[in-house]
Amino acid sequence: MSIAVIPPAGPRKRPVNLTLNEGLVAQAKTFTNNLSATIEQLLVSYVEDQQQGLQARRRLADACAADWNAVHASVGSFADEHSTL
């Protein structure tokens, strides 16, 4: 009885078309024998950096809103004194 070895399931991959500078691709191939894996690794890093930047901007916006709400709670709004009603 033989046992079939099933490779671990990873993320599904699909071919994509990219337009890249020929000279740059030639230079990159001198450093890697798997250009697709290298580009995928760089793209993962780029996406992670962008996500971290987005989270940092959200935290900053949340902190700003919390500070403004604290000022409003303690002092009120300057517009309260200028009601047209």
N, C-alpha and C. Protein backbone atom coordinates (compact mmCIF):
# COMPACT_ATOMS: atom_id res chain seq x y z
N MET A 1 0.85 -1.18 0.00
CA MET A 1 0.00 0.00 0.00
C MET A 1 0.89 1.24 0.00
N SER A 2 0.68 2.13 -0.94
CA SER A 2 1.47 3.35 -1.00
C SER A 2 0.63 4.53 -0.51
N ILE A 3 1.32 5.46 0.11
CA ILE A 3 0.67 6.65 0.65
C ILE A 3 1.02 7.82 -0.25
N ALA A 4 0.00 8.53 -0.71
CA ALA A 4 0.23 9.70 -1.55
C ALA A 4 0.59 10.88 -0.66
N VAL A 5 1.63 11.58 -1.04
CA VAL A 5 2.04 12.77 -0.31
C VAL A 5 1.36 13.98 -0.94
N ILE A 6 0.60 14.68 -0.12
CA ILE A 6 -0.10 15.87 -0.60
C ILE A 6 0.66 17.09 -0.11
N PRO A 7 1.08 17.95 -1.04
CA PRO A 7 1.82 19.15 -0.62
C PRO A 7 0.92 20.06 0.21
N PRO A 8 1.52 20.80 1.14
CA PRO A 8 0.70 21.70 1.96
C PRO A 8 0.03 22.77 1.10
N ALA A 9 -1.21 23.05 1.45
CA ALA A 9 -1.95 24.06 0.68
C ALA A 9 -1.43 25.44 1.04
N GLY A 10 -1.05 26.19 0.05
CA GLY A 10 -0.60 27.55 0.24
C GLY A 10 -1.56 28.49 -0.44
N PRO A 11 -1.23 29.75 -0.46
CA PRO A 11 -2.11 30.69 -1.16
C PRO A 11 -2.18 30.34 -2.64
N ARG A 12 -3.35 30.49 -3.19
CA ARG A 12 -3.53 30.22 -4.62
C ARG A 12 -2.76 31.25 -5.42
N LYS A 13 -2.08 30.79 -6.44
CA LYS A 13 -1.29 31.68 -7.29
C LYS A 13 -1.88 31.69 -8.69
N ARG A 14 -1.72 32.82 -9.34
CA ARG A 14 -2.18 32.92 -10.72
C ARG A 14 -1.20 33.78 -11.49
N PRO A 15 -1.10 33.55 -12.77
CA PRO A 15 -0.20 34.37 -13.58
C PRO A 15 -0.79 35.76 -13.77
N VAL A 16 0.10 36.73 -13.76
CA VAL A 16 -0.31 38.12 -14.03
C VAL A 16 0.66 38.70 -15.05
N ASN A 17 0.22 39.72 -15.73
CA ASN A 17 1.08 40.40 -16.68
C ASN A 17 1.64 41.65 -16.03
N LEU A 18 2.93 41.82 -16.09
CA LEU A 18 3.60 43.01 -15.59
C LEU A 18 4.43 43.60 -16.71
N THR A 19 4.53 44.88 -16.71
CA THR A 19 5.42 45.55 -17.65
C THR A 19 6.58 46.09 -16.83
N LEU A 20 7.76 45.52 -17.06
CA LEU A 20 8.95 45.89 -16.29
C LEU A 20 10.07 46.29 -17.24
N ASN A 21 10.94 47.14 -16.75
CA ASN A 21 12.11 47.57 -17.50
C ASN A 21 13.00 46.37 -17.79
N GLU A 22 13.32 46.16 -19.06
CA GLU A 22 14.13 45.00 -19.46
C GLU A 22 15.48 44.97 -18.78
N GLY A 23 16.15 46.12 -18.74
CA GLY A 23 17.46 46.17 -18.12
C GLY A 23 17.40 45.84 -16.64
N LEU A 24 16.39 46.32 -15.97
CA LEU A 24 16.22 46.05 -14.55
C LEU A 24 15.95 44.57 -14.31
N VAL A 25 15.13 43.97 -15.15
CA VAL A 25 14.85 42.53 -15.03
C VAL A 25 16.14 41.73 -15.25
N ALA A 26 16.93 42.12 -16.23
CA ALA A 26 18.19 41.41 -16.49
C ALA A 26 19.13 41.53 -15.29
N GLN A 27 19.20 42.72 -14.71
CA GLN A 27 20.04 42.89 -13.53
C GLN A 27 19.52 42.06 -12.35
N ALA A 28 18.22 42.05 -12.16
CA ALA A 28 17.63 41.30 -11.04
C ALA A 28 17.88 39.81 -11.19
N LYS A 29 17.85 39.32 -12.43
CA LYS A 29 18.08 37.89 -12.66
C LYS A 29 19.49 37.46 -12.30
N THR A 30 20.42 38.40 -12.22
CA THR A 30 21.78 38.03 -11.80
C THR A 30 21.82 37.76 -10.29
N PHE A 31 20.79 38.23 -9.57
CA PHE A 31 20.76 38.05 -8.12
C PHE A 31 19.79 36.98 -7.66
N THR A 32 18.88 36.54 -8.55
CA THR A 32 17.90 35.53 -8.16
C THR A 32 17.62 34.60 -9.33
N ASN A 33 17.34 33.36 -9.01
CA ASN A 33 16.95 32.43 -10.06
C ASN A 33 15.43 32.26 -10.08
N ASN A 34 14.73 32.93 -9.15
CA ASN A 34 13.27 32.88 -9.11
C ASN A 34 12.73 34.30 -8.98
N LEU A 35 12.62 34.97 -10.12
CA LEU A 35 12.19 36.36 -10.13
C LEU A 35 10.77 36.52 -9.59
N SER A 36 9.90 35.56 -9.87
CA SER A 36 8.53 35.64 -9.38
C SER A 36 8.49 35.64 -7.85
N ALA A 37 9.24 34.75 -7.24
CA ALA A 37 9.27 34.68 -5.77
C ALA A 37 9.87 35.95 -5.18
N THR A 38 10.89 36.48 -5.83
CA THR A 38 11.53 37.71 -5.34
C THR A 38 10.56 38.88 -5.41
N ILE A 39 9.86 39.01 -6.52
CA ILE A 39 8.90 40.10 -6.67
C ILE A 39 7.74 39.92 -5.68
N GLU A 40 7.30 38.68 -5.49
CA GLU A 40 6.22 38.43 -4.54
C GLU A 40 6.66 38.81 -3.12
N GLN A 41 7.88 38.48 -2.76
CA GLN A 41 8.40 38.84 -1.43
C GLN A 41 8.45 40.37 -1.28
N LEU A 42 8.91 41.07 -2.29
CA LEU A 42 8.96 42.53 -2.24
C LEU A 42 7.56 43.13 -2.17
N LEU A 43 6.61 42.52 -2.88
CA LEU A 43 5.23 43.01 -2.87
C LEU A 43 4.58 42.78 -1.50
N VAL A 44 4.87 41.66 -0.87
CA VAL A 44 4.38 41.40 0.49
C VAL A 44 4.90 42.47 1.43
N SER A 45 6.16 42.78 1.34
CA SER A 45 6.76 43.82 2.19
C SER A 45 6.11 45.17 1.94
N TYR A 46 5.88 45.51 0.69
CA TYR A 46 5.25 46.78 0.32
C TYR A 46 3.84 46.87 0.92
N VAL A 47 3.06 45.81 0.75
CA VAL A 47 1.68 45.80 1.26
C VAL A 47 1.68 45.92 2.79
N GLU A 48 2.58 45.21 3.46
CA GLU A 48 2.67 45.31 4.92
C GLU A 48 3.01 46.73 5.35
N ASP A 49 3.95 47.36 4.67
CA ASP A 49 4.32 48.75 4.99
C ASP A 49 3.14 49.69 4.80
N GLN A 50 2.39 49.51 3.72
CA GLN A 50 1.24 50.37 3.46
C GLN A 50 0.15 50.17 4.52
N GLN A 51 -0.07 48.91 4.93
CA GLN A 51 -1.06 48.62 5.96
C GLN A 51 -0.65 49.24 7.30
N GLN A 52 0.63 49.14 7.64
CA GLN A 52 1.11 49.73 8.88
C GLN A 52 0.97 51.25 8.85
N GLY A 53 1.25 51.86 7.71
CA GLY A 53 1.09 53.31 7.57
C GLY A 53 -0.36 53.72 7.73
N LEU A 54 -1.26 52.95 7.14
CA LEU A 54 -2.69 53.24 7.26
C LEU A 54 -3.14 53.12 8.71
N GLN A 55 -2.68 52.08 9.39
CA GLN A 55 -3.04 51.91 10.81
C GLN A 55 -2.48 53.06 11.65
N ALA A 56 -1.28 53.51 11.35
CA ALA A 56 -0.68 54.62 12.10
C ALA A 56 -1.49 55.90 11.89
N ARG A 57 -1.91 56.16 10.64
CA ARG A 57 -2.72 57.35 10.37
C ARG A 57 -4.08 57.26 11.06
N ARG A 58 -4.65 56.07 11.13
CA ARG A 58 -5.93 55.89 11.84
C ARG A 58 -5.76 56.13 13.33
N ARG A 59 -4.66 55.60 13.90
CA ARG A 59 -4.40 55.83 15.33
C ARG A 59 -4.23 57.32 15.61
N LEU A 60 -3.52 58.02 14.73
CA LEU A 60 -3.32 59.45 14.89
C LEU A 60 -4.66 60.20 14.80
N ALA A 61 -5.49 59.83 13.85
CA ALA A 61 -6.80 60.46 13.72
C ALA A 61 -7.68 60.17 14.94
N ASP A 62 -7.63 58.95 15.44
CA ASP A 62 -8.40 58.60 16.64
C ASP A 62 -7.92 59.40 17.85
N ALA A 63 -6.60 59.56 17.99
CA ALA A 63 -6.05 60.34 19.10
C ALA A 63 -6.45 61.80 18.99
N CYS A 64 -6.43 62.33 17.78
CA CYS A 64 -6.84 63.72 17.55
C CYS A 64 -8.31 63.90 17.91
N ALA A 65 -9.15 62.99 17.48
CA ALA A 65 -10.58 63.08 17.80
C ALA A 65 -10.81 62.96 19.30
N ALA A 66 -10.08 62.07 19.96
CA ALA A 66 -10.22 61.92 21.41
C ALA A 66 -9.80 63.20 22.13
N ASP A 67 -8.70 63.81 21.69
CA ASP A 67 -8.25 65.07 22.29
C ASP A 67 -9.28 66.17 22.07
N TRP A 68 -9.81 66.26 20.86
CA TRP A 68 -10.80 67.30 20.58
C TRP A 68 -12.07 67.07 21.41
N ASN A 69 -12.48 65.81 21.55
CA ASN A 69 -13.66 65.50 22.36
C ASN A 69 -13.42 65.86 23.83
N ALA A 70 -12.20 65.65 24.32
CA ALA A 70 -11.87 66.00 25.70
C ALA A 70 -11.93 67.51 25.89
N VAL A 71 -11.42 68.27 24.94
CA VAL A 71 -11.49 69.74 25.02
C VAL A 71 -12.96 70.18 25.00
N HIS A 72 -13.72 69.61 24.10
CA HIS A 72 -15.13 69.97 23.99
C HIS A 72 -15.89 69.63 25.28
N ALA A 73 -15.56 68.49 25.90
CA ALA A 73 -16.24 68.09 27.13
C ALA A 73 -15.90 69.03 28.29
N SER A 74 -14.67 69.52 28.33
CA SER A 74 -14.27 70.36 29.47
C SER A 74 -14.56 71.83 29.24
N VAL A 75 -14.49 72.32 28.02
CA VAL A 75 -14.64 73.75 27.75
C VAL A 75 -15.93 74.05 27.00
N GLY A 76 -16.40 73.10 26.24
CA GLY A 76 -17.56 73.35 25.40
C GLY A 76 -17.11 73.87 24.05
N SER A 77 -18.08 74.24 23.24
CA SER A 77 -17.79 74.73 21.90
C SER A 77 -17.88 76.25 21.87
N PHE A 78 -16.96 76.89 21.17
CA PHE A 78 -17.02 78.34 21.06
C PHE A 78 -18.29 78.78 20.34
N ALA A 79 -18.85 77.91 19.53
CA ALA A 79 -20.06 78.23 18.77
C ALA A 79 -21.29 78.30 19.68
N ASP A 80 -21.22 77.68 20.88
CA ASP A 80 -22.36 77.72 21.79
C ASP A 80 -22.73 79.15 22.17
N GLU A 81 -21.77 80.05 22.22
CA GLU A 81 -22.02 81.43 22.59
C GLU A 81 -22.57 82.26 21.44
N HIS A 82 -22.56 81.73 20.26
CA HIS A 82 -22.94 82.51 19.07
C HIS A 82 -24.14 81.90 18.36
N SER A 83 -25.05 81.38 19.09
CA SER A 83 -26.24 80.77 18.49
C SER A 83 -27.13 81.84 17.89
N THR A 84 -27.68 81.58 16.73
CA THR A 84 -28.58 82.52 16.07
C THR A 84 -30.03 82.25 16.44
N LEU A 85 -30.26 81.29 17.30
CA LEU A 85 -31.66 80.95 17.67
C LEU A 85 -32.16 81.81 18.78
